[in-house]
N, C-alpha and C. Protein backbone atom coordinates (compact mmCIF):
# COMPACT_ATOMS: atom_id res chain seq x y z
N UNK A 1 -21.84 77.56 109.20
CA UNK A 1 -21.49 77.87 110.56
C UNK A 1 -20.12 78.53 110.63
N UNK A 2 -19.24 78.10 109.76
CA UNK A 2 -17.92 78.71 109.76
C UNK A 2 -17.97 80.18 109.36
N UNK A 3 -18.78 80.49 108.39
CA UNK A 3 -18.91 81.86 107.95
C UNK A 3 -19.48 82.73 109.06
N UNK A 4 -20.46 82.21 109.76
CA UNK A 4 -21.06 82.95 110.87
C UNK A 4 -20.03 83.20 111.98
N UNK A 5 -19.23 82.23 112.32
CA UNK A 5 -18.20 82.37 113.35
C UNK A 5 -17.16 83.40 112.92
N UNK A 6 -16.81 83.36 111.65
CA UNK A 6 -15.84 84.33 111.14
C UNK A 6 -16.40 85.75 111.19
N UNK A 7 -17.65 85.91 110.83
CA UNK A 7 -18.26 87.23 110.88
C UNK A 7 -18.34 87.77 112.31
N UNK A 8 -18.67 86.90 113.27
CA UNK A 8 -18.73 87.30 114.68
C UNK A 8 -17.34 87.69 115.17
N UNK A 9 -16.34 86.89 114.80
CA UNK A 9 -14.96 87.19 115.20
C UNK A 9 -14.51 88.51 114.59
N UNK A 10 -14.85 88.75 113.33
CA UNK A 10 -14.48 89.99 112.67
C UNK A 10 -15.17 91.19 113.33
N UNK A 11 -16.46 91.04 113.62
CA UNK A 11 -17.19 92.12 114.28
C UNK A 11 -16.64 92.38 115.68
N UNK A 12 -16.33 91.33 116.42
CA UNK A 12 -15.78 91.48 117.77
C UNK A 12 -14.42 92.18 117.72
N UNK A 13 -13.57 91.81 116.76
CA UNK A 13 -12.26 92.46 116.69
C UNK A 13 -12.41 93.92 116.29
N UNK A 14 -13.38 94.24 115.44
CA UNK A 14 -13.61 95.64 115.07
C UNK A 14 -14.08 96.44 116.27
N UNK A 15 -14.98 95.86 117.08
CA UNK A 15 -15.46 96.55 118.28
C UNK A 15 -14.33 96.77 119.27
N UNK A 16 -13.49 95.75 119.50
CA UNK A 16 -12.36 95.89 120.43
C UNK A 16 -11.35 96.92 119.92
N UNK A 17 -11.13 96.95 118.61
CA UNK A 17 -10.22 97.94 118.03
C UNK A 17 -10.75 99.35 118.23
N UNK A 18 -12.04 99.54 118.03
CA UNK A 18 -12.64 100.85 118.25
C UNK A 18 -12.55 101.26 119.72
N UNK A 19 -12.79 100.31 120.63
CA UNK A 19 -12.69 100.62 122.06
C UNK A 19 -11.26 100.99 122.44
N UNK A 20 -10.30 100.27 121.92
CA UNK A 20 -8.89 100.56 122.21
C UNK A 20 -8.51 101.94 121.68
N UNK A 21 -8.96 102.25 120.47
CA UNK A 21 -8.68 103.56 119.88
C UNK A 21 -9.32 104.66 120.70
N UNK A 22 -10.56 104.45 121.14
CA UNK A 22 -11.25 105.46 121.94
C UNK A 22 -10.55 105.68 123.28
N UNK A 23 -10.06 104.60 123.88
CA UNK A 23 -9.37 104.77 125.16
C UNK A 23 -8.05 105.50 125.00
N UNK A 24 -7.35 105.28 123.91
CA UNK A 24 -6.11 106.00 123.65
C UNK A 24 -6.40 107.47 123.38
N UNK A 25 -7.42 107.74 122.60
CA UNK A 25 -7.76 109.13 122.30
C UNK A 25 -8.27 109.88 123.52
N UNK A 26 -8.84 109.15 124.47
CA UNK A 26 -9.33 109.80 125.69
C UNK A 26 -8.20 110.41 126.49
N UNK A 27 -6.97 109.87 126.36
CA UNK A 27 -5.83 110.41 127.09
C UNK A 27 -5.05 111.44 126.30
N UNK A 28 -5.48 111.76 125.08
CA UNK A 28 -4.78 112.74 124.27
C UNK A 28 -4.68 114.06 125.01
N UNK A 29 -3.44 114.57 125.15
CA UNK A 29 -3.23 115.84 125.80
C UNK A 29 -3.15 115.76 127.30
N UNK A 30 -3.38 114.59 127.89
CA UNK A 30 -3.37 114.47 129.35
C UNK A 30 -2.05 113.95 129.89
N UNK A 31 -1.07 113.82 129.05
CA UNK A 31 0.24 113.35 129.48
C UNK A 31 1.15 114.57 129.64
N UNK A 32 1.85 114.65 130.76
CA UNK A 32 2.74 115.78 130.99
C UNK A 32 3.78 115.85 129.88
N UNK A 33 3.95 117.04 129.32
CA UNK A 33 4.90 117.21 128.23
C UNK A 33 6.00 118.20 128.59
N UNK A 34 5.65 119.27 129.32
CA UNK A 34 6.64 120.26 129.71
C UNK A 34 6.45 120.65 131.16
N UNK A 35 7.56 121.05 131.76
CA UNK A 35 7.50 121.56 133.13
C UNK A 35 8.46 122.74 133.22
N UNK A 36 7.98 123.85 133.76
CA UNK A 36 8.83 125.02 133.95
C UNK A 36 8.82 125.38 135.43
N UNK A 37 9.97 125.78 135.94
CA UNK A 37 10.13 126.05 137.36
C UNK A 37 10.41 127.53 137.57
N UNK A 38 9.72 128.14 138.53
CA UNK A 38 9.93 129.54 138.89
C UNK A 38 10.20 129.62 140.39
N UNK A 39 11.04 130.57 140.76
CA UNK A 39 11.37 130.73 142.17
C UNK A 39 11.80 132.13 142.48
N UNK A 40 12.56 132.29 143.55
CA UNK A 40 12.95 133.64 143.97
C UNK A 40 13.86 134.31 142.95
N UNK A 41 13.66 135.61 142.77
CA UNK A 41 14.53 136.39 141.90
C UNK A 41 15.66 136.97 142.74
N UNK A 42 16.85 136.93 142.23
CA UNK A 42 18.00 137.45 142.98
C UNK A 42 18.48 136.47 144.02
N UNK A 43 19.21 136.97 144.99
CA UNK A 43 19.79 136.13 146.03
C UNK A 43 18.82 135.96 147.19
N UNK A 44 18.94 134.83 147.88
CA UNK A 44 18.19 134.60 149.12
C UNK A 44 19.20 134.36 150.24
N UNK A 45 18.82 134.69 151.45
CA UNK A 45 19.71 134.51 152.59
C UNK A 45 19.50 133.15 153.22
N UNK A 46 20.59 132.58 153.73
CA UNK A 46 20.45 131.32 154.45
C UNK A 46 19.64 131.60 155.72
N UNK A 47 18.99 130.56 156.22
CA UNK A 47 18.14 130.72 157.40
C UNK A 47 16.75 131.21 157.06
N UNK A 48 16.44 131.32 155.77
CA UNK A 48 15.11 131.76 155.33
C UNK A 48 14.46 130.66 154.50
N UNK A 49 13.24 130.92 154.03
CA UNK A 49 12.52 129.99 153.17
C UNK A 49 12.10 130.69 151.89
N UNK A 50 11.96 129.92 150.81
CA UNK A 50 11.51 130.43 149.52
C UNK A 50 10.47 129.49 148.95
N UNK A 51 9.57 130.06 148.15
CA UNK A 51 8.54 129.26 147.51
C UNK A 51 8.93 129.01 146.05
N UNK A 52 8.78 127.75 145.62
CA UNK A 52 9.04 127.37 144.23
C UNK A 52 7.74 126.90 143.60
N UNK A 53 7.58 127.19 142.30
CA UNK A 53 6.39 126.77 141.56
C UNK A 53 6.84 126.01 140.31
N UNK A 54 6.22 124.87 140.06
CA UNK A 54 6.45 124.12 138.82
C UNK A 54 5.14 124.10 138.05
N UNK A 55 5.17 124.59 136.82
CA UNK A 55 3.98 124.58 135.97
C UNK A 55 4.11 123.42 134.99
N UNK A 56 3.12 122.52 135.03
CA UNK A 56 3.13 121.33 134.18
C UNK A 56 2.06 121.49 133.11
N UNK A 57 2.47 121.36 131.85
CA UNK A 57 1.54 121.46 130.72
C UNK A 57 1.52 120.13 129.99
N UNK A 58 0.33 119.79 129.44
CA UNK A 58 0.20 118.53 128.70
C UNK A 58 0.64 118.73 127.25
N UNK A 59 0.48 117.70 126.44
CA UNK A 59 0.95 117.75 125.06
C UNK A 59 0.23 118.79 124.22
N UNK A 60 -0.95 119.24 124.65
CA UNK A 60 -1.69 120.28 123.94
C UNK A 60 -1.41 121.67 124.50
N UNK A 61 -0.54 121.77 125.52
CA UNK A 61 -0.22 123.06 126.12
C UNK A 61 -1.20 123.50 127.18
N UNK A 62 -2.07 122.58 127.63
CA UNK A 62 -3.04 122.89 128.68
C UNK A 62 -2.48 122.49 130.04
N UNK A 63 -2.94 123.15 131.12
CA UNK A 63 -2.48 122.77 132.46
C UNK A 63 -2.81 121.31 132.76
N UNK A 64 -1.84 120.60 133.32
CA UNK A 64 -2.03 119.19 133.67
C UNK A 64 -2.28 119.12 135.18
N UNK A 65 -3.46 118.65 135.58
CA UNK A 65 -3.86 118.66 136.98
C UNK A 65 -3.60 117.31 137.66
N UNK A 66 -3.47 117.37 138.99
CA UNK A 66 -3.27 116.19 139.84
C UNK A 66 -2.04 115.38 139.46
N UNK A 67 -0.98 116.07 139.06
CA UNK A 67 0.28 115.41 138.70
C UNK A 67 1.26 115.59 139.86
N UNK A 68 1.84 114.50 140.37
CA UNK A 68 2.86 114.65 141.42
C UNK A 68 4.17 115.19 140.83
N UNK A 69 4.73 116.19 141.51
CA UNK A 69 6.02 116.76 141.11
C UNK A 69 7.00 116.48 142.25
N UNK A 70 8.08 115.78 141.92
CA UNK A 70 9.12 115.47 142.91
C UNK A 70 10.22 116.52 142.82
N UNK A 71 10.64 117.01 143.98
CA UNK A 71 11.66 118.05 144.06
C UNK A 71 12.95 117.43 144.56
N UNK A 72 14.10 117.85 143.97
CA UNK A 72 15.40 117.34 144.42
C UNK A 72 16.48 118.38 144.16
N UNK A 73 17.55 118.27 144.94
CA UNK A 73 18.72 119.12 144.74
C UNK A 73 19.67 118.36 143.81
N UNK A 74 20.15 119.01 142.77
CA UNK A 74 21.13 118.35 141.91
C UNK A 74 22.55 118.77 142.24
N UNK A 75 22.72 119.94 142.87
CA UNK A 75 24.05 120.35 143.35
C UNK A 75 23.92 121.61 144.20
N UNK A 76 24.94 121.86 145.02
CA UNK A 76 25.02 123.08 145.80
C UNK A 76 24.31 123.07 147.13
N UNK A 77 23.56 122.02 147.43
CA UNK A 77 22.82 121.98 148.69
C UNK A 77 23.74 121.55 149.83
N UNK A 78 23.33 121.90 151.05
CA UNK A 78 24.06 121.48 152.24
C UNK A 78 23.08 120.79 153.18
N UNK A 79 23.64 120.13 154.16
CA UNK A 79 22.81 119.44 155.15
C UNK A 79 21.88 120.46 155.82
N UNK A 80 20.60 120.17 155.81
CA UNK A 80 19.62 121.08 156.40
C UNK A 80 18.73 121.75 155.37
N UNK A 81 19.17 121.83 154.10
CA UNK A 81 18.28 122.33 153.05
C UNK A 81 17.18 121.30 152.86
N UNK A 82 15.91 121.76 152.78
CA UNK A 82 14.83 120.78 152.65
C UNK A 82 13.62 121.38 151.94
N UNK A 83 12.80 120.47 151.37
CA UNK A 83 11.56 120.82 150.70
C UNK A 83 10.38 120.44 151.57
N UNK A 84 9.31 121.23 151.48
CA UNK A 84 8.07 120.86 152.17
C UNK A 84 6.90 121.47 151.41
N UNK A 85 6.01 120.68 150.85
CA UNK A 85 5.99 119.22 150.80
C UNK A 85 6.82 118.71 149.63
N UNK A 86 7.09 117.44 149.67
CA UNK A 86 7.80 116.78 148.59
C UNK A 86 7.34 115.33 148.52
N UNK A 87 6.65 114.92 147.49
CA UNK A 87 6.29 115.67 146.30
C UNK A 87 5.09 116.59 146.55
N UNK A 88 4.87 117.49 145.59
CA UNK A 88 3.67 118.34 145.62
C UNK A 88 2.83 118.01 144.39
N UNK A 89 1.54 118.32 144.45
CA UNK A 89 0.59 117.95 143.41
C UNK A 89 0.13 119.21 142.66
N UNK A 90 0.03 119.10 141.33
CA UNK A 90 -0.43 120.26 140.55
C UNK A 90 -1.90 120.55 140.81
N UNK A 91 -2.24 121.83 140.83
CA UNK A 91 -3.62 122.26 141.04
C UNK A 91 -4.35 122.39 139.70
N UNK A 92 -5.50 123.00 139.67
CA UNK A 92 -6.29 123.12 138.44
C UNK A 92 -5.60 124.00 137.40
N UNK A 93 -4.63 124.79 137.80
CA UNK A 93 -3.86 125.61 136.86
C UNK A 93 -2.59 124.90 136.40
N UNK A 94 -2.37 123.67 136.88
CA UNK A 94 -1.18 122.92 136.51
C UNK A 94 0.06 123.31 137.29
N UNK A 95 -0.13 123.99 138.44
CA UNK A 95 0.99 124.49 139.23
C UNK A 95 1.14 123.68 140.51
N UNK A 96 2.35 123.16 140.74
CA UNK A 96 2.71 122.49 141.99
C UNK A 96 3.63 123.43 142.76
N UNK A 97 3.39 123.56 144.06
CA UNK A 97 4.15 124.50 144.89
C UNK A 97 4.82 123.78 146.04
N UNK A 98 6.06 124.19 146.34
CA UNK A 98 6.76 123.68 147.51
C UNK A 98 7.53 124.84 148.14
N UNK A 99 7.92 124.65 149.38
CA UNK A 99 8.74 125.64 150.08
C UNK A 99 10.10 125.03 150.38
N UNK A 100 11.16 125.79 150.09
CA UNK A 100 12.52 125.35 150.37
C UNK A 100 13.02 126.13 151.58
N UNK A 101 13.53 125.42 152.56
CA UNK A 101 14.18 126.06 153.70
C UNK A 101 15.68 125.97 153.47
N UNK A 102 16.35 127.13 153.50
CA UNK A 102 17.78 127.21 153.22
C UNK A 102 18.56 127.17 154.53
N UNK A 103 19.41 126.19 154.68
CA UNK A 103 20.24 126.06 155.89
C UNK A 103 21.45 126.99 155.79
N UNK A 104 21.97 127.36 156.95
CA UNK A 104 23.20 128.15 156.99
C UNK A 104 24.38 127.20 157.19
N UNK A 105 25.50 127.49 156.54
CA UNK A 105 26.66 126.61 156.68
C UNK A 105 27.23 126.68 158.09
N UNK A 106 27.94 125.64 158.48
CA UNK A 106 28.53 125.58 159.81
C UNK A 106 29.67 126.57 159.96
N UNK A 107 30.31 126.93 158.88
CA UNK A 107 31.45 127.84 158.92
C UNK A 107 31.07 129.18 158.30
N UNK A 108 31.41 130.27 158.99
CA UNK A 108 31.08 131.59 158.44
C UNK A 108 32.04 131.97 157.32
N UNK A 109 33.09 131.18 157.12
CA UNK A 109 34.02 131.48 156.03
C UNK A 109 33.51 130.92 154.71
N UNK A 110 32.43 130.14 154.73
CA UNK A 110 31.85 129.60 153.51
C UNK A 110 31.24 130.74 152.71
N UNK A 111 31.55 130.78 151.42
CA UNK A 111 31.02 131.86 150.58
C UNK A 111 29.62 131.51 150.09
N UNK A 112 29.05 132.42 149.32
CA UNK A 112 27.73 132.18 148.75
C UNK A 112 27.77 130.89 147.94
N UNK A 113 26.59 130.27 147.81
CA UNK A 113 26.53 129.01 147.07
C UNK A 113 25.37 129.06 146.08
N UNK A 114 25.56 128.39 144.96
CA UNK A 114 24.51 128.29 143.95
C UNK A 114 23.91 126.89 144.07
N UNK A 115 22.61 126.85 144.31
CA UNK A 115 21.90 125.58 144.50
C UNK A 115 21.07 125.31 143.25
N UNK A 116 21.25 124.12 142.67
CA UNK A 116 20.49 123.71 141.50
C UNK A 116 19.38 122.76 141.95
N UNK A 117 18.16 123.08 141.55
CA UNK A 117 16.98 122.32 141.97
C UNK A 117 16.27 121.76 140.74
N UNK A 118 15.87 120.49 140.82
CA UNK A 118 15.13 119.84 139.75
C UNK A 118 13.71 119.53 140.20
N UNK A 119 12.76 119.72 139.29
CA UNK A 119 11.37 119.31 139.49
C UNK A 119 11.08 118.26 138.42
N UNK A 120 10.60 117.09 138.85
CA UNK A 120 10.42 115.97 137.93
C UNK A 120 9.00 115.42 138.03
N UNK A 121 8.41 115.10 136.87
CA UNK A 121 7.12 114.43 136.82
C UNK A 121 7.30 113.09 136.10
N UNK A 122 6.28 112.28 136.16
CA UNK A 122 6.30 111.04 135.40
C UNK A 122 5.60 111.32 134.10
N UNK A 123 6.09 111.03 132.96
CA UNK A 123 7.27 110.21 132.67
C UNK A 123 8.53 111.06 132.52
N UNK A 124 9.31 111.20 133.54
CA UNK A 124 10.63 111.83 133.54
C UNK A 124 10.73 113.14 132.77
N UNK A 125 9.77 114.03 133.00
CA UNK A 125 9.85 115.38 132.45
C UNK A 125 10.54 116.22 133.52
N UNK A 126 11.59 116.95 133.12
CA UNK A 126 12.45 117.64 134.08
C UNK A 126 12.45 119.14 133.83
N UNK A 127 12.33 119.91 134.92
CA UNK A 127 12.50 121.35 134.89
C UNK A 127 13.51 121.70 135.97
N UNK A 128 14.27 122.78 135.78
CA UNK A 128 15.32 123.14 136.74
C UNK A 128 15.34 124.63 137.02
N UNK A 129 15.95 124.96 138.14
CA UNK A 129 16.17 126.36 138.51
C UNK A 129 17.45 126.41 139.35
N UNK A 130 18.15 127.54 139.29
CA UNK A 130 19.33 127.77 140.10
C UNK A 130 19.05 128.96 141.02
N UNK A 131 19.40 128.81 142.30
CA UNK A 131 19.17 129.85 143.30
C UNK A 131 20.49 130.13 144.01
N UNK A 132 20.85 131.40 144.16
CA UNK A 132 22.06 131.77 144.91
C UNK A 132 21.67 132.06 146.35
N UNK A 133 22.30 131.32 147.26
CA UNK A 133 22.03 131.47 148.70
C UNK A 133 23.23 132.19 149.31
N UNK A 134 22.95 133.31 149.99
CA UNK A 134 24.03 134.11 150.57
C UNK A 134 24.17 133.81 152.06
N UNK A 135 25.34 134.12 152.59
CA UNK A 135 25.60 133.91 154.02
C UNK A 135 25.73 135.23 154.74
N UNK A 136 25.16 136.31 154.18
CA UNK A 136 25.21 137.62 154.83
C UNK A 136 24.57 137.56 156.20
N UNK A 137 25.10 138.34 157.09
CA UNK A 137 24.51 138.45 158.41
C UNK A 137 25.03 137.46 159.41
N UNK A 138 25.90 136.55 158.99
CA UNK A 138 26.44 135.61 159.95
C UNK A 138 27.55 136.29 160.77
N UNK A 139 27.59 136.08 162.05
CA UNK A 139 28.64 136.69 162.86
C UNK A 139 29.98 136.01 162.61
N UNK A 140 31.04 136.77 162.75
CA UNK A 140 32.37 136.20 162.62
C UNK A 140 32.67 135.36 163.86
N UNK A 141 33.22 134.18 163.62
CA UNK A 141 33.57 133.29 164.74
C UNK A 141 35.07 133.15 164.87
N UNK A 142 35.82 134.05 164.24
CA UNK A 142 37.26 133.96 164.28
C UNK A 142 37.78 134.30 165.67
N UNK A 143 38.79 133.55 166.13
CA UNK A 143 39.44 133.83 167.41
C UNK A 143 40.83 134.41 167.19
N UNK A 144 41.15 134.70 165.96
CA UNK A 144 42.44 135.27 165.62
C UNK A 144 42.38 136.78 165.85
N UNK A 145 43.14 137.32 166.87
CA UNK A 145 43.04 138.75 167.15
C UNK A 145 43.58 139.62 166.03
N UNK A 146 44.40 139.07 165.15
CA UNK A 146 44.97 139.87 164.08
C UNK A 146 43.98 140.10 162.95
N UNK A 147 42.90 139.34 162.91
CA UNK A 147 41.97 139.50 161.79
C UNK A 147 40.88 140.50 162.13
N UNK A 148 41.10 141.75 161.79
CA UNK A 148 40.08 142.77 161.95
C UNK A 148 40.05 143.42 163.32
N UNK A 149 40.97 143.10 164.23
CA UNK A 149 40.98 143.73 165.55
C UNK A 149 41.81 145.00 165.47
N UNK A 150 41.28 146.08 166.00
CA UNK A 150 42.00 147.36 165.92
C UNK A 150 43.21 147.34 166.85
N UNK A 151 44.25 148.11 166.50
CA UNK A 151 45.44 148.19 167.36
C UNK A 151 45.12 148.75 168.75
N UNK A 152 44.14 149.64 168.83
CA UNK A 152 43.75 150.21 170.13
C UNK A 152 43.19 149.12 171.04
N UNK A 153 42.40 148.19 170.47
CA UNK A 153 41.84 147.11 171.26
C UNK A 153 42.94 146.17 171.75
N UNK A 154 43.94 145.92 170.91
CA UNK A 154 45.06 145.07 171.32
C UNK A 154 45.84 145.74 172.45
N UNK A 155 46.09 147.05 172.36
CA UNK A 155 46.80 147.78 173.42
C UNK A 155 46.01 147.78 174.72
N UNK A 156 44.69 147.95 174.63
CA UNK A 156 43.85 147.94 175.82
C UNK A 156 43.88 146.58 176.49
N UNK A 157 43.86 145.50 175.71
CA UNK A 157 43.93 144.16 176.28
C UNK A 157 45.28 143.91 176.93
N UNK A 158 46.35 144.37 176.29
CA UNK A 158 47.69 144.20 176.87
C UNK A 158 47.81 144.99 178.18
N UNK A 159 47.29 146.22 178.21
CA UNK A 159 47.32 147.01 179.44
C UNK A 159 46.54 146.32 180.56
N UNK A 160 45.38 145.73 180.23
CA UNK A 160 44.57 145.05 181.24
C UNK A 160 45.32 143.85 181.81
N UNK A 161 46.01 143.12 180.96
CA UNK A 161 46.78 141.96 181.44
C UNK A 161 47.91 142.42 182.34
N UNK A 162 48.64 143.47 181.95
CA UNK A 162 49.77 143.96 182.76
C UNK A 162 49.27 144.52 184.10
N UNK A 163 48.20 145.32 184.08
CA UNK A 163 47.67 145.90 185.31
C UNK A 163 47.16 144.81 186.23
N UNK A 164 46.46 143.82 185.67
CA UNK A 164 45.94 142.72 186.50
C UNK A 164 47.07 141.93 187.13
N UNK A 165 48.11 141.67 186.36
CA UNK A 165 49.27 140.94 186.89
C UNK A 165 49.95 141.74 188.00
N UNK A 166 50.10 143.04 187.84
CA UNK A 166 50.74 143.88 188.85
C UNK A 166 49.95 143.85 190.15
N UNK A 167 48.58 143.92 190.07
CA UNK A 167 47.74 143.89 191.26
C UNK A 167 47.87 142.56 191.97
N UNK A 168 47.86 141.48 191.22
CA UNK A 168 47.98 140.14 191.83
C UNK A 168 49.34 139.99 192.51
N UNK A 169 50.42 140.43 191.88
CA UNK A 169 51.75 140.32 192.47
C UNK A 169 51.85 141.16 193.75
N UNK A 170 51.26 142.35 193.79
CA UNK A 170 51.28 143.18 195.01
C UNK A 170 50.57 142.49 196.15
N UNK A 171 49.41 141.86 195.84
CA UNK A 171 48.64 141.19 196.91
C UNK A 171 49.39 139.97 197.43
N UNK A 172 50.02 139.24 196.52
CA UNK A 172 50.77 138.04 196.94
C UNK A 172 51.95 138.45 197.82
N UNK A 173 52.67 139.50 197.40
CA UNK A 173 53.85 139.92 198.20
C UNK A 173 53.41 140.53 199.53
N UNK A 174 52.24 141.17 199.58
CA UNK A 174 51.75 141.74 200.84
C UNK A 174 51.32 140.62 201.78
N UNK A 175 50.79 139.55 201.24
CA UNK A 175 50.35 138.44 202.08
C UNK A 175 51.54 137.70 202.64
N UNK A 176 52.68 137.68 202.01
CA UNK A 176 53.87 136.99 202.47
C UNK A 176 54.62 137.81 203.52
N UNK A 177 54.56 139.08 203.39
CA UNK A 177 55.43 139.87 204.22
C UNK A 177 54.80 140.62 205.29
């Protein structure tokens, strides 16, 4: 009876070992191994949107499908920059897509900014891209007349103030006398 029990135990352990090996082999190549991120070429303007793509490949170099990709800013972002959707899911080609909306800075004196974006999958596979966001087209909000105001405009404003003051003084003195 002992020999029979040992043989059954040995056969059972062999079957379980084969099942475990088969289940591990079934996932071969299905684990995300690399992620590459593509986005806009050149500069983008604030107040616009851009599309980003993350391509996820498995350990065999094949597209990895139905993988969530989380998007985050690692530096250079400002309040109002946002992703939609986040996270995004890879399609049958292994590509996850999101749209970034670029906010404009509160101050027009802010120069262009370089925004670093990370795309991450589980288990912590990271891809990155850098995008330069420009502030072209923002109106100047300066109230300093010396910054870019022509001398003719300053003279015209001074003449208007003097002429207006003269008219007001004439009317006041006419009303008194």
